[in-house]
Amino acid sequence: MMCYKHPGGQQHSLTKYSNTFCGSGDHVAMLIVGSVLLSFTTGFLALCIWVACKAPQFSWQGQAAVKFLFADFRPDIAWFGIVALFRGLFLSLPSVAVPNRPNVQLVLLHTVMLLSL
């Protein structure tokens, strides 16, 4: 989270939430919650990659639990569900990475869309 220095003082505030000081209890709570959510997301993606690698060895009942990865694709390219997951992730990142720059967001979104054709 980006902080800016107050003009007349020694304190820093978050850019988006100017009433929250950097290093305060609220700021630390935001960092902890964000870190936990990031670890869950990373763990989910790692699990999906592992399942896609091991999918040919699973029975039909085992594959039914992760149908969202394989349902729209041929069995010989089951790994493409991972590509679709990462595409969704990269489509959501521009609004988080550069929230106040719509022109940069648009270029990044178009880049992701063109690369995923």
Foldseek 3Di string as FASTA:
>chain_A
DDWDQDPPDGWIADPVDRVHTPPDPVNVVVVVVVVVVVVVVVVVLVVVQVCLVCVVVDDPVVCVVVCCQQVPHDPVPSVCSSVVVVLVVQLPPLCVVCVPDVVVNVVSNVVSVVVVD
